[in-house]
PDB file of N, CA and C in Angstrom:
ATOM      1  N   MET A   1     -15.045 -23.441   9.570  1.00  0.00           N
ATOM      2  CA  MET A   1     -13.725 -24.011   9.712  1.00  0.00           C
ATOM      3  C   MET A   1     -12.827 -23.495   8.588  1.00  0.00           C
ATOM      4  N   ILE A   2     -11.676 -23.076   8.868  1.00  0.00           N
ATOM      5  CA  ILE A   2     -10.729 -22.542   7.910  1.00  0.00           C
ATOM      6  C   ILE A   2      -9.885 -23.704   7.319  1.00  0.00           C
ATOM      7  N   PRO A   3      -9.883 -23.852   5.983  1.00  0.00           N
ATOM      8  CA  PRO A   3      -9.097 -24.950   5.399  1.00  0.00           C
ATOM      9  C   PRO A   3      -7.621 -24.762   5.583  1.00  0.00           C
ATOM     10  N   PRO A   4      -6.844 -25.847   5.597  1.00  0.00           N
ATOM     11  CA  PRO A   4      -5.390 -25.707   5.830  1.00  0.00           C
ATOM     12  C   PRO A   4      -4.640 -24.991   4.715  1.00  0.00           C
ATOM     13  N   ASN A   5      -5.186 -24.929   3.526  1.00  0.00           N
ATOM     14  CA  ASN A   5      -4.478 -24.262   2.409  1.00  0.00           C
ATOM     15  C   ASN A   5      -4.856 -22.820   2.247  1.00  0.00           C
ATOM     16  N   ALA A   6      -5.498 -22.225   3.233  1.00  0.00           N
ATOM     17  CA  ALA A   6      -5.908 -20.819   3.167  1.00  0.00           C
ATOM     18  C   ALA A   6      -4.735 -19.888   3.093  1.00  0.00           C
ATOM     19  N   VAL A   7      -4.890 -18.783   2.359  1.00  0.00           N
ATOM     20  CA  VAL A   7      -3.890 -17.741   2.184  1.00  0.00           C
ATOM     21  C   VAL A   7      -4.213 -16.604   3.093  1.00  0.00           C
ATOM     22  N   TYR A   8      -3.260 -16.207   3.974  1.00  0.00           N
ATOM     23  CA  TYR A   8      -3.505 -15.138   4.946  1.00  0.00           C
ATOM     24  C   TYR A   8      -2.815 -13.826   4.562  1.00  0.00           C
ATOM     25  N   GLY A   9      -1.677 -13.815   3.999  1.00  0.00           N
ATOM     26  CA  GLY A   9      -0.980 -12.600   3.680  1.00  0.00           C
ATOM     27  C   GLY A   9      -1.157 -12.194   2.236  1.00  0.00           C
ATOM     28  N   ASP A  10      -0.162 -11.479   1.712  1.00  0.00           N
ATOM     29  CA  ASP A  10      -0.162 -11.073   0.316  1.00  0.00           C
ATOM     30  C   ASP A  10      -0.175 -12.330  -0.555  1.00  0.00           C
ATOM     31  N   PRO A  11      -1.101 -12.446  -1.496  1.00  0.00           N
ATOM     32  CA  PRO A  11      -1.186 -13.631  -2.315  1.00  0.00           C
ATOM     33  C   PRO A  11       0.013 -13.857  -3.254  1.00  0.00           C
ATOM     34  N   LYS A  12       0.730 -12.779  -3.584  1.00  0.00           N
ATOM     35  CA  LYS A  12       1.956 -12.873  -4.362  1.00  0.00           C
ATOM     36  C   LYS A  12       1.783 -13.734  -5.646  1.00  0.00           C
ATOM     37  N   GLY A  13       0.790 -13.471  -6.420  1.00  0.00           N
ATOM     38  CA  GLY A  13       0.564 -14.221  -7.636  1.00  0.00           C
ATOM     39  C   GLY A  13      -0.245 -15.493  -7.560  1.00  0.00           C
ATOM     40  N   VAL A  14      -0.566 -15.949  -6.377  1.00  0.00           N
ATOM     41  CA  VAL A  14      -1.402 -17.120  -6.202  1.00  0.00           C
ATOM     42  C   VAL A  14      -2.811 -16.802  -6.637  1.00  0.00           C
ATOM     43  N   PRO A  15      -3.377 -17.575  -7.606  1.00  0.00           N
ATOM     44  CA  PRO A  15      -4.795 -17.285  -8.008  1.00  0.00           C
ATOM     45  C   PRO A  15      -5.727 -17.540  -6.843  1.00  0.00           C
ATOM     46  N   ILE A  16      -6.634 -16.602  -6.622  1.00  0.00           N
ATOM     47  CA  ILE A  16      -7.575 -16.690  -5.538  1.00  0.00           C
ATOM     48  C   ILE A  16      -8.953 -17.032  -6.041  1.00  0.00           C
ATOM     49  N   GLN A  17      -9.570 -17.987  -5.429  1.00  0.00           N
ATOM     50  CA  GLN A  17     -10.935 -18.424  -5.752  1.00  0.00           C
ATOM     51  C   GLN A  17     -11.969 -17.582  -5.011  1.00  0.00           C
ATOM     52  N   GLN A  18     -11.753 -17.411  -3.697  1.00  0.00           N
ATOM     53  CA  GLN A  18     -12.703 -16.710  -2.861  1.00  0.00           C
ATOM     54  C   GLN A  18     -12.001 -16.097  -1.657  1.00  0.00           C
ATOM     55  N   THR A  19     -12.408 -14.883  -1.294  1.00  0.00           N
ATOM     56  CA  THR A  19     -11.844 -14.230  -0.128  1.00  0.00           C
ATOM     57  C   THR A  19     -12.885 -14.071   0.960  1.00  0.00           C
ATOM     58  N   MET A  20     -12.496 -14.394   2.189  1.00  0.00           N
ATOM     59  CA  MET A  20     -13.323 -14.225   3.369  1.00  0.00           C
ATOM     60  C   MET A  20     -12.872 -12.961   4.106  1.00  0.00           C
ATOM     61  N   TYR A  21     -13.625 -11.885   3.954  1.00  0.00           N
ATOM     62  CA  TYR A  21     -13.253 -10.596   4.560  1.00  0.00           C
ATOM     63  C   TYR A  21     -13.719 -10.560   5.993  1.00  0.00           C
ATOM     64  N   ARG A  22     -12.762 -10.275   6.930  1.00  0.00           N
ATOM     65  CA  ARG A  22     -13.074 -10.223   8.300  1.00  0.00           C
ATOM     66  C   ARG A  22     -12.482  -8.982   8.893  1.00  0.00           C
ATOM     67  N   ASP A  23     -11.785  -9.053  10.056  1.00  0.00           N
ATOM     68  CA  ASP A  23     -11.258  -7.900  10.746  1.00  0.00           C
ATOM     69  C   ASP A  23      -9.900  -7.397  10.213  1.00  0.00           C
ATOM     70  N   THR A  24      -9.118  -8.245   9.618  1.00  0.00           N
ATOM     71  CA  THR A  24      -7.757  -7.883   9.238  1.00  0.00           C
ATOM     72  C   THR A  24      -7.685  -7.680   7.725  1.00  0.00           C
ATOM     73  N   PRO A  25      -6.632  -7.059   7.196  1.00  0.00           N
ATOM     74  CA  PRO A  25      -6.435  -6.908   5.741  1.00  0.00           C
ATOM     75  C   PRO A  25      -6.505  -8.276   5.077  1.00  0.00           C
ATOM     76  N   ALA A  26      -7.227  -8.305   3.961  1.00  0.00           N
ATOM     77  CA  ALA A  26      -7.480  -9.606   3.290  1.00  0.00           C
ATOM     78  C   ALA A  26      -6.735  -9.703   1.957  1.00  0.00           C
ATOM     79  N   PRO A  27      -6.243 -10.906   1.602  1.00  0.00           N
ATOM     80  CA  PRO A  27      -5.665 -11.083   0.280  1.00  0.00           C
ATOM     81  C   PRO A  27      -6.807 -11.057  -0.739  1.00  0.00           C
ATOM     82  N   PHE A  28      -6.659 -10.363  -1.851  1.00  0.00           N
ATOM     83  CA  PHE A  28      -7.746 -10.244  -2.790  1.00  0.00           C
ATOM     84  C   PHE A  28      -7.237  -9.885  -4.183  1.00  0.00           C
ATOM     85  N   ASN A  29      -8.073 -10.085  -5.163  1.00  0.00           N
ATOM     86  CA  ASN A  29      -7.875  -9.538  -6.538  1.00  0.00           C
ATOM     87  C   ASN A  29      -8.975  -8.549  -6.799  1.00  0.00           C
ATOM     88  N   CYS A  30      -8.611  -7.304  -7.101  1.00  0.00           N
ATOM     89  CA  CYS A  30      -9.560  -6.189  -7.240  1.00  0.00           C
ATOM     90  C   CYS A  30     -10.369  -6.422  -8.540  1.00  0.00           C
ATOM     91  N   VAL A  31     -11.677  -6.335  -8.416  1.00  0.00           N
ATOM     92  CA  VAL A  31     -12.579  -6.454  -9.618  1.00  0.00           C
ATOM     93  C   VAL A  31     -12.665  -5.141 -10.368  1.00  0.00           C
ATOM     94  N   TYR A  32     -12.189  -4.050  -9.734  1.00  0.00           N
ATOM     95  CA  TYR A  32     -12.261  -2.747 -10.392  1.00  0.00           C
ATOM     96  C   TYR A  32     -11.022  -2.437 -11.219  1.00  0.00           C
ATOM     97  N   CYS A  33      -9.833  -2.643 -10.628  1.00  0.00           N
ATOM     98  CA  CYS A  33      -8.588  -2.279 -11.363  1.00  0.00           C
ATOM     99  C   CYS A  33      -7.698  -3.465 -11.722  1.00  0.00           C
ATOM    100  N   GLY A  34      -8.040  -4.644 -11.182  1.00  0.00           N
ATOM    101  CA  GLY A  34      -7.248  -5.838 -11.518  1.00  0.00           C
ATOM    102  C   GLY A  34      -6.010  -6.088 -10.659  1.00  0.00           C
ATOM    103  N   SER A  35      -5.728  -5.196  -9.719  1.00  0.00           N
ATOM    104  CA  SER A  35      -4.540  -5.403  -8.886  1.00  0.00           C
ATOM    105  C   SER A  35      -4.832  -6.494  -7.824  1.00  0.00           C
ATOM    106  N   SER A  36      -3.716  -7.015  -7.275  1.00  0.00           N
ATOM    107  CA  SER A  36      -3.874  -8.002  -6.205  1.00  0.00           C
ATOM    108  C   SER A  36      -2.974  -7.609  -5.034  1.00  0.00           C
ATOM    109  N   GLY A  37      -3.271  -8.097  -3.905  1.00  0.00           N
ATOM    110  CA  GLY A  37      -2.496  -7.740  -2.708  1.00  0.00           C
ATOM    111  C   GLY A  37      -3.363  -7.833  -1.483  1.00  0.00           C
ATOM    112  N   LEU A  38      -3.154  -6.947  -0.553  1.00  0.00           N
ATOM    113  CA  LEU A  38      -3.983  -6.926   0.711  1.00  0.00           C
ATOM    114  C   LEU A  38      -4.843  -5.679   0.699  1.00  0.00           C
ATOM    115  N   THR A  39      -6.043  -5.821   1.200  1.00  0.00           N
ATOM    116  CA  THR A  39      -6.974  -4.667   1.263  1.00  0.00           C
ATOM    117  C   THR A  39      -6.523  -3.719   2.382  1.00  0.00           C
ATOM    118  N   THR A  40      -7.007  -2.486   2.255  1.00  0.00           N
ATOM    119  CA  THR A  40      -6.862  -1.483   3.321  1.00  0.00           C
ATOM    120  C   THR A  40      -8.181  -1.542   4.134  1.00  0.00           C
ATOM    121  N   VAL A  41      -8.082  -1.577   5.439  1.00  0.00           N
ATOM    122  CA  VAL A  41      -9.261  -1.708   6.237  1.00  0.00           C
ATOM    123  C   VAL A  41      -9.537  -0.391   6.978  1.00  0.00           C
ATOM    124  N   ARG A  42     -10.852   0.046   6.907  1.00  0.00           N
ATOM    125  CA  ARG A  42     -11.304   1.181   7.669  1.00  0.00           C
ATOM    126  C   ARG A  42     -12.414   0.693   8.603  1.00  0.00           C
ATOM    127  N   SER A  43     -12.508   1.322   9.766  1.00  0.00           N
ATOM    128  CA  SER A  43     -13.473   0.867  10.791  1.00  0.00           C
ATOM    129  C   SER A  43     -14.512   1.944  11.061  1.00  0.00           C
ATOM    130  N   LYS A  44     -15.717   1.473  11.456  1.00  0.00           N
ATOM    131  CA  LYS A  44     -16.778   2.332  11.961  1.00  0.00           C
ATOM    132  C   LYS A  44     -17.432   1.601  13.138  1.00  0.00           C
ATOM    133  N   PRO A  45     -17.982   2.360  14.074  1.00  0.00           N
ATOM    134  CA  PRO A  45     -18.592   1.759  15.290  1.00  0.00           C
ATOM    135  C   PRO A  45     -19.772   0.846  14.924  1.00  0.00           C
ATOM    136  N   SER A  46     -19.881  -0.246  15.641  1.00  0.00           N
ATOM    137  CA  SER A  46     -20.974  -1.197  15.479  1.00  0.00           C
ATOM    138  C   SER A  46     -21.844  -1.167  16.708  1.00  0.00           C
ATOM    139  N   LEU A  47     -22.942  -1.937  16.665  1.00  0.00           N
ATOM    140  CA  LEU A  47     -23.845  -2.005  17.808  1.00  0.00           C
ATOM    141  C   LEU A  47     -23.103  -2.657  18.981  1.00  0.00           C
ATOM    142  N   ALA A  48     -22.283  -3.674  18.703  1.00  0.00           N
ATOM    143  CA  ALA A  48     -21.480  -4.317  19.752  1.00  0.00           C
ATOM    144  C   ALA A  48     -20.570  -3.335  20.453  1.00  0.00           C
ATOM    145  N   ALA A  49     -19.929  -2.399  19.677  1.00  0.00           N
ATOM    146  CA  ALA A  49     -19.096  -1.424  20.287  1.00  0.00           C
ATOM    147  C   ALA A  49     -19.871  -0.452  21.142  1.00  0.00           C
ATOM    148  N   ALA A  50     -21.087  -0.128  20.711  1.00  0.00           N
ATOM    149  CA  ALA A  50     -21.954   0.814  21.508  1.00  0.00           C
ATOM    150  C   ALA A  50     -22.374   0.122  22.791  1.00  0.00           C
ATOM    151  N   VAL A  51     -22.682  -1.134  22.743  1.00  0.00           N
ATOM    152  CA  VAL A  51     -23.067  -1.874  23.952  1.00  0.00           C
ATOM    153  C   VAL A  51     -21.876  -1.940  24.883  1.00  0.00           C
ATOM    154  N   ALA A  52     -20.656  -2.212  24.338  1.00  0.00           N
ATOM    155  CA  ALA A  52     -19.476  -2.262  25.182  1.00  0.00           C
ATOM    156  C   ALA A  52     -19.186  -0.924  25.814  1.00  0.00           C
ATOM    157  N   CYS A  53     -19.517   0.131  25.111  1.00  0.00           N
ATOM    158  CA  CYS A  53     -19.293   1.479  25.620  1.00  0.00           C
ATOM    159  C   CYS A  53     -20.321   1.826  26.693  1.00  0.00           C
ATOM    160  N   MET A  54     -21.525   1.371  26.518  1.00  0.00           N
ATOM    161  CA  MET A  54     -22.604   1.702  27.468  1.00  0.00           C
ATOM    162  C   MET A  54     -22.436   1.067  28.823  1.00  0.00           C
ATOM    163  N   MET A  55     -21.844  -0.112  28.876  1.00  0.00           N
ATOM    164  CA  MET A  55     -21.709  -0.793  30.148  1.00  0.00           C
ATOM    165  C   MET A  55     -20.874   0.027  31.140  1.00  0.00           C
ATOM    166  N   PRO A  56     -19.681   0.499  30.768  1.00  0.00           N
ATOM    167  CA  PRO A  56     -18.953   1.345  31.743  1.00  0.00           C
ATOM    168  C   PRO A  56     -19.532   2.781  31.826  1.00  0.00           C
ATOM    169  N   PHE A  57     -20.298   3.152  30.829  1.00  0.00           N
ATOM    170  CA  PHE A  57     -20.908   4.530  30.825  1.00  0.00           C
ATOM    171  C   PHE A  57     -21.824   4.664  32.014  1.00  0.00           C
ATOM    172  N   MET A  58     -22.442   3.534  32.425  1.00  0.00           N
ATOM    173  CA  MET A  58     -23.328   3.608  33.606  1.00  0.00           C
ATOM    174  C   MET A  58     -22.533   4.020  34.866  1.00  0.00           C
ATOM    175  N   LEU A  59     -21.222   3.831  34.794  1.00  0.00           N
ATOM    176  CA  LEU A  59     -20.342   4.275  35.910  1.00  0.00           C
ATOM    177  C   LEU A  59     -19.818   5.681  35.664  1.00  0.00           C
ATOM    178  N   GLY A  60     -20.203   6.284  34.570  1.00  0.00           N
ATOM    179  CA  GLY A  60     -19.777   7.638  34.270  1.00  0.00           C
ATOM    180  C   GLY A  60     -18.602   7.745  33.340  1.00  0.00           C
ATOM    181  N   VAL A  61     -18.115   6.618  32.805  1.00  0.00           N
ATOM    182  CA  VAL A  61     -16.954   6.646  31.908  1.00  0.00           C
ATOM    183  C   VAL A  61     -17.234   5.840  30.679  1.00  0.00           C
ATOM    184  N   CYS A  62     -16.887   6.404  29.518  1.00  0.00           N
ATOM    185  CA  CYS A  62     -16.966   5.638  28.277  1.00  0.00           C
ATOM    186  C   CYS A  62     -15.576   5.558  27.693  1.00  0.00           C
ATOM    187  N   PHE A  63     -14.791   4.600  28.052  1.00  0.00           N
ATOM    188  CA  PHE A  63     -13.441   4.504  27.555  1.00  0.00           C
ATOM    189  C   PHE A  63     -13.206   3.392  26.563  1.00  0.00           C
ATOM    190  N   LEU A  64     -14.189   2.563  26.323  1.00  0.00           N
ATOM    191  CA  LEU A  64     -14.012   1.378  25.472  1.00  0.00           C
ATOM    192  C   LEU A  64     -14.183   1.641  23.961  1.00  0.00           C
ATOM    193  N   CYS A  65     -15.020   2.590  23.608  1.00  0.00           N
ATOM    194  CA  CYS A  65     -15.320   2.743  22.157  1.00  0.00           C
ATOM    195  C   CYS A  65     -14.052   2.929  21.289  1.00  0.00           C
ATOM    196  N   PRO A  66     -13.182   3.899  21.565  1.00  0.00           N
ATOM    197  CA  PRO A  66     -12.026   4.026  20.698  1.00  0.00           C
ATOM    198  C   PRO A  66     -11.045   2.868  20.781  1.00  0.00           C
ATOM    199  N   SER A  67     -10.949   2.254  21.936  1.00  0.00           N
ATOM    200  CA  SER A  67      -9.946   1.194  22.087  1.00  0.00           C
ATOM    201  C   SER A  67     -10.443  -0.161  21.692  1.00  0.00           C
ATOM    202  N   MET A  68     -11.742  -0.350  21.443  1.00  0.00           N
ATOM    203  CA  MET A  68     -12.302  -1.638  21.115  1.00  0.00           C
ATOM    204  C   MET A  68     -12.583  -1.739  19.634  1.00  0.00           C
ATOM    205  N   ASP A  69     -11.592  -1.425  18.829  1.00  0.00           N
ATOM    206  CA  ASP A  69     -11.719  -1.492  17.386  1.00  0.00           C
ATOM    207  C   ASP A  69     -12.146  -2.926  16.908  1.00  0.00           C
ATOM    208  N   CYS A  70     -11.835  -3.909  17.711  1.00  0.00           N
ATOM    209  CA  CYS A  70     -12.189  -5.303  17.368  1.00  0.00           C
ATOM    210  C   CYS A  70     -13.701  -5.487  17.255  1.00  0.00           C
ATOM    211  N   LEU A  71     -14.494  -4.649  17.876  1.00  0.00           N
ATOM    212  CA  LEU A  71     -15.952  -4.755  17.808  1.00  0.00           C
ATOM    213  C   LEU A  71     -16.597  -3.854  16.779  1.00  0.00           C
ATOM    214  N   TRP A  72     -15.765  -3.179  15.964  1.00  0.00           N
ATOM    215  CA  TRP A  72     -16.328  -2.236  14.990  1.00  0.00           C
ATOM    216  C   TRP A  72     -16.501  -2.936  13.619  1.00  0.00           C
ATOM    217  N   HIS A  73     -17.366  -2.347  12.782  1.00  0.00           N
ATOM    218  CA  HIS A  73     -17.532  -2.827  11.419  1.00  0.00           C
ATOM    219  C   HIS A  73     -16.268  -2.562  10.655  1.00  0.00           C
ATOM    220  N   LYS A  74     -15.881  -3.440   9.734  1.00  0.00           N
ATOM    221  CA  LYS A  74     -14.698  -3.313   8.924  1.00  0.00           C
ATOM    222  C   LYS A  74     -15.072  -3.184   7.470  1.00  0.00           C
ATOM    223  N   TYR A  75     -14.539  -2.167   6.793  1.00  0.00           N
ATOM    224  CA  TYR A  75     -14.769  -1.976   5.367  1.00  0.00           C
ATOM    225  C   TYR A  75     -13.460  -2.116   4.622  1.00  0.00           C
ATOM    226  N   HIS A  76     -13.427  -2.987   3.647  1.00  0.00           N
ATOM    227  CA  HIS A  76     -12.203  -3.296   2.916  1.00  0.00           C
ATOM    228  C   HIS A  76     -12.103  -2.499   1.625  1.00  0.00           C
ATOM    229  N   TYR A  77     -10.998  -1.825   1.380  1.00  0.00           N
ATOM    230  CA  TYR A  77     -10.805  -1.028   0.162  1.00  0.00           C
ATOM    231  C   TYR A  77      -9.560  -1.472  -0.587  1.00  0.00           C
ATOM    232  N   CYS A  78      -9.570  -1.310  -1.913  1.00  0.00           N
ATOM    233  CA  CYS A  78      -8.419  -1.579  -2.742  1.00  0.00           C
ATOM    234  C   CYS A  78      -7.379  -0.467  -2.505  1.00  0.00           C
ATOM    235  N   PRO A  79      -6.141  -0.793  -2.201  1.00  0.00           N
ATOM    236  CA  PRO A  79      -5.158   0.255  -1.961  1.00  0.00           C
ATOM    237  C   PRO A  79      -4.744   1.009  -3.237  1.00  0.00           C
ATOM    238  N   SER A  80      -4.991   0.387  -4.421  1.00  0.00           N
ATOM    239  CA  SER A  80      -4.641   1.017  -5.678  1.00  0.00           C
ATOM    240  C   SER A  80      -5.658   1.981  -6.168  1.00  0.00           C
ATOM    241  N   CYS A  81      -6.947   1.534  -6.280  1.00  0.00           N
ATOM    242  CA  CYS A  81      -8.006   2.394  -6.867  1.00  0.00           C
ATOM    243  C   CYS A  81      -8.955   2.987  -5.783  1.00  0.00           C
ATOM    244  N   GLN A  82      -8.764   2.627  -4.513  1.00  0.00           N
ATOM    245  CA  GLN A  82      -9.562   3.154  -3.400  1.00  0.00           C
ATOM    246  C   GLN A  82     -11.052   2.745  -3.467  1.00  0.00           C
ATOM    247  N   GLN A  83     -11.449   1.790  -4.259  1.00  0.00           N
ATOM    248  CA  GLN A  83     -12.831   1.348  -4.321  1.00  0.00           C
ATOM    249  C   GLN A  83     -13.092   0.378  -3.151  1.00  0.00           C
ATOM    250  N   LYS A  84     -14.332   0.452  -2.635  1.00  0.00           N
ATOM    251  CA  LYS A  84     -14.737  -0.492  -1.560  1.00  0.00           C
ATOM    252  C   LYS A  84     -14.949  -1.837  -2.230  1.00  0.00           C
ATOM    253  N   VAL A  85     -14.258  -2.836  -1.681  1.00  0.00           N
ATOM    254  CA  VAL A  85     -14.458  -4.177  -2.280  1.00  0.00           C
ATOM    255  C   VAL A  85     -15.273  -5.123  -1.401  1.00  0.00           C
ATOM    256  N   ALA A  86     -15.350  -4.838  -0.134  1.00  0.00           N
ATOM    257  CA  ALA A  86     -16.169  -5.700   0.767  1.00  0.00           C
ATOM    258  C   ALA A  86     -16.368  -5.025   2.079  1.00  0.00           C
ATOM    259  N   ASP A  87     -17.296  -5.550   2.857  1.00  0.00           N
ATOM    260  CA  ASP A  87     -17.445  -5.076   4.228  1.00  0.00           C
ATOM    261  C   ASP A  87     -17.713  -6.308   5.148  1.00  0.00           C
ATOM    262  N   PHE A  88     -17.386  -6.109   6.393  1.00  0.00           N
ATOM    263  CA  PHE A  88     -17.600  -7.122   7.419  1.00  0.00           C
ATOM    264  C   PHE A  88     -18.222  -6.415   8.580  1.00  0.00           C
ATOM    265  N   GLU A  89     -19.563  -6.598   8.686  1.00  0.00           N
ATOM    266  CA  GLU A  89     -20.302  -5.842   9.708  1.00  0.00           C
ATOM    267  C   GLU A  89     -20.627  -6.759  10.889  1.00  0.00           C
ATOM    268  N   LYS A  90     -20.359  -6.224  12.086  1.00  0.00           N
ATOM    269  CA  LYS A  90     -20.633  -6.955  13.277  1.00  0.00           C
ATOM    270  C   LYS A  90     -21.898  -6.389  13.905  1.00  0.00           C
ATOM    271  N   SER A  91     -22.996  -7.143  13.828  1.00  0.00           N
ATOM    272  CA  SER A  91     -24.257  -6.624  14.314  1.00  0.00           C
ATOM    273  C   SER A  91     -24.725  -7.322  15.585  1.00  0.00           C
ATOM    274  N   ASP A  92     -23.910  -8.212  16.112  1.00  0.00           N
ATOM    275  CA  ASP A  92     -24.311  -9.000  17.290  1.00  0.00           C
ATOM    276  C   ASP A  92     -23.774  -8.378  18.550  1.00  0.00           C
ATOM    277  N   PRO A  93     -24.654  -7.754  19.364  1.00  0.00           N
ATOM    278  CA  PRO A  93     -24.146  -7.110  20.619  1.00  0.00           C
ATOM    279  C   PRO A  93     -23.601  -8.148  21.583  1.00  0.00           C
ATOM    280  N   CYS A  94     -23.913  -9.397  21.421  1.00  0.00           N
ATOM    281  CA  CYS A  94     -23.400 -10.434  22.311  1.00  0.00           C
ATOM    282  C   CYS A  94     -21.882 -10.647  22.153  1.00  0.00           C
ATOM    283  N   LEU A  95     -21.313 -10.129  21.068  1.00  0.00           N
ATOM    284  CA  LEU A  95     -19.876 -10.265  20.883  1.00  0.00           C
ATOM    285  C   LEU A  95     -19.092  -9.619  22.007  1.00  0.00           C
ATOM    286  N   VAL A  96     -19.749  -8.727  22.744  1.00  0.00           N
ATOM    287  CA  VAL A  96     -19.080  -8.016  23.841  1.00  0.00           C
ATOM    288  C   VAL A  96     -18.588  -9.051  24.855  1.00  0.00           C
ATOM    289  N   VAL A  97     -19.309 -10.106  25.066  1.00  0.00           N
ATOM    290  CA  VAL A  97     -18.972 -11.123  26.051  1.00  0.00           C
ATOM    291  C   VAL A  97     -18.330 -12.387  25.367  1.00  0.00           C
ATOM    292  N   ASP A  98     -17.878 -12.237  24.157  1.00  0.00           N
ATOM    293  CA  ASP A  98     -17.230 -13.373  23.392  1.00  0.00           C
ATOM    294  C   ASP A  98     -15.878 -12.930  22.910  1.00  0.00           C
ATOM    295  N   PRO A  99     -14.871 -12.712  23.808  1.00  0.00           N
ATOM    296  CA  PRO A  99     -13.596 -12.241  23.392  1.00  0.00           C
ATOM    297  C   PRO A  99     -12.852 -13.027  22.309  1.00  0.00           C
ATOM    298  N   PRO A 100     -12.985 -14.363  22.240  1.00  0.00           N
ATOM    299  CA  PRO A 100     -12.281 -15.083  21.168  1.00  0.00           C
ATOM    300  C   PRO A 100     -12.746 -14.659  19.738  1.00  0.00           C
ATOM    301  N   ARG A 101     -13.941 -14.118  19.621  1.00  0.00           N
ATOM    302  CA  ARG A 101     -14.454 -13.682  18.303  1.00  0.00           C
ATOM    303  C   ARG A 101     -14.278 -12.210  18.102  1.00  0.00           C
ATOM    304  N   TRP A 102     -13.598 -11.512  18.976  1.00  0.00           N
ATOM    305  CA  TRP A 102     -13.415 -10.049  18.798  1.00  0.00           C
ATOM    306  C   TRP A 102     -12.656  -9.696  17.548  1.00  0.00           C
ATOM    307  N   LYS A 103     -11.604 -10.520  17.268  1.00  0.00           N
ATOM    308  CA  LYS A 103     -10.786 -10.242  16.098  1.00  0.00           C
ATOM    309  C   LYS A 103     -10.646 -11.530  15.254  1.00  0.00           C
ATOM    310  N   GLU A 104     -11.226 -11.514  14.100  1.00  0.00           N
ATOM    311  CA  GLU A 104     -11.178 -12.681  13.214  1.00  0.00           C
ATOM    312  C   GLU A 104     -10.287 -12.360  12.000  1.00  0.00           C
ATOM    313  N   GLU A 105      -9.437 -13.312  11.629  1.00  0.00           N
ATOM    314  CA  GLU A 105      -8.471 -13.175  10.578  1.00  0.00           C
ATOM    315  C   GLU A 105      -9.174 -13.275   9.225  1.00  0.00           C
ATOM    316  N   SER A 106      -8.851 -12.403   8.324  1.00  0.00           N
ATOM    317  CA  SER A 106      -9.291 -12.529   6.916  1.00  0.00           C
ATOM    318  C   SER A 106      -8.409 -13.538   6.198  1.00  0.00           C
ATOM    319  N   PHE A 107      -8.982 -14.259   5.267  1.00  0.00           N
ATOM    320  CA  PHE A 107      -8.186 -15.206   4.490  1.00  0.00           C
ATOM    321  C   PHE A 107      -8.811 -15.439   3.119  1.00  0.00           C
ATOM    322  N   ALA A 108      -8.058 -16.082   2.242  1.00  0.00           N
ATOM    323  CA  ALA A 108      -8.556 -16.368   0.901  1.00  0.00           C
ATOM    324  C   ALA A 108      -8.300 -17.828   0.618  1.00  0.00           C
ATOM    325  N   LEU A 109      -9.159 -18.381  -0.274  1.00  0.00           N
ATOM    326  CA  LEU A 109      -9.017 -19.772  -0.719  1.00  0.00           C
ATOM    327  C   LEU A 109      -8.382 -19.771  -2.108  1.00  0.00           C
ATOM    328  N   PRO A 110      -7.286 -20.486  -2.262  1.00  0.00           N
ATOM    329  CA  PRO A 110      -6.633 -20.520  -3.540  1.00  0.00           C
ATOM    330  C   PRO A 110      -7.488 -21.278  -4.600  1.00  0.00           C
ATOM    331  N   ALA A 111      -7.329 -20.913  -5.836  1.00  0.00           N
ATOM    332  CA  ALA A 111      -8.106 -21.551  -6.940  1.00  0.00           C
ATOM    333  C   ALA A 111      -7.575 -22.936  -7.199  1.00  0.00           C
TER     334      ALA A 111
END
């Protein structure tokens, strides 16, 4: 359950206690360079994306992999120093049949 005081966008000077890294850019304080803001997110295919791709592949078409970014692993990077600060890996192939969990918002808890 997400608390009502969660920070979703740029923290803009709000001290952050903990960040929950998910599918979207997350508010964070970089442990490498000290900057704060929103992470840059890069994606890589997950098992769930491969399963989603294989289902229509049986019909001779694999059109879901590039378009189903919501089922891919997300890696969060600092936009200032380019260091990887977190990852959010989706390893559950059952996510293919659970559309409400395809895209989860990242958020932070204020200190």
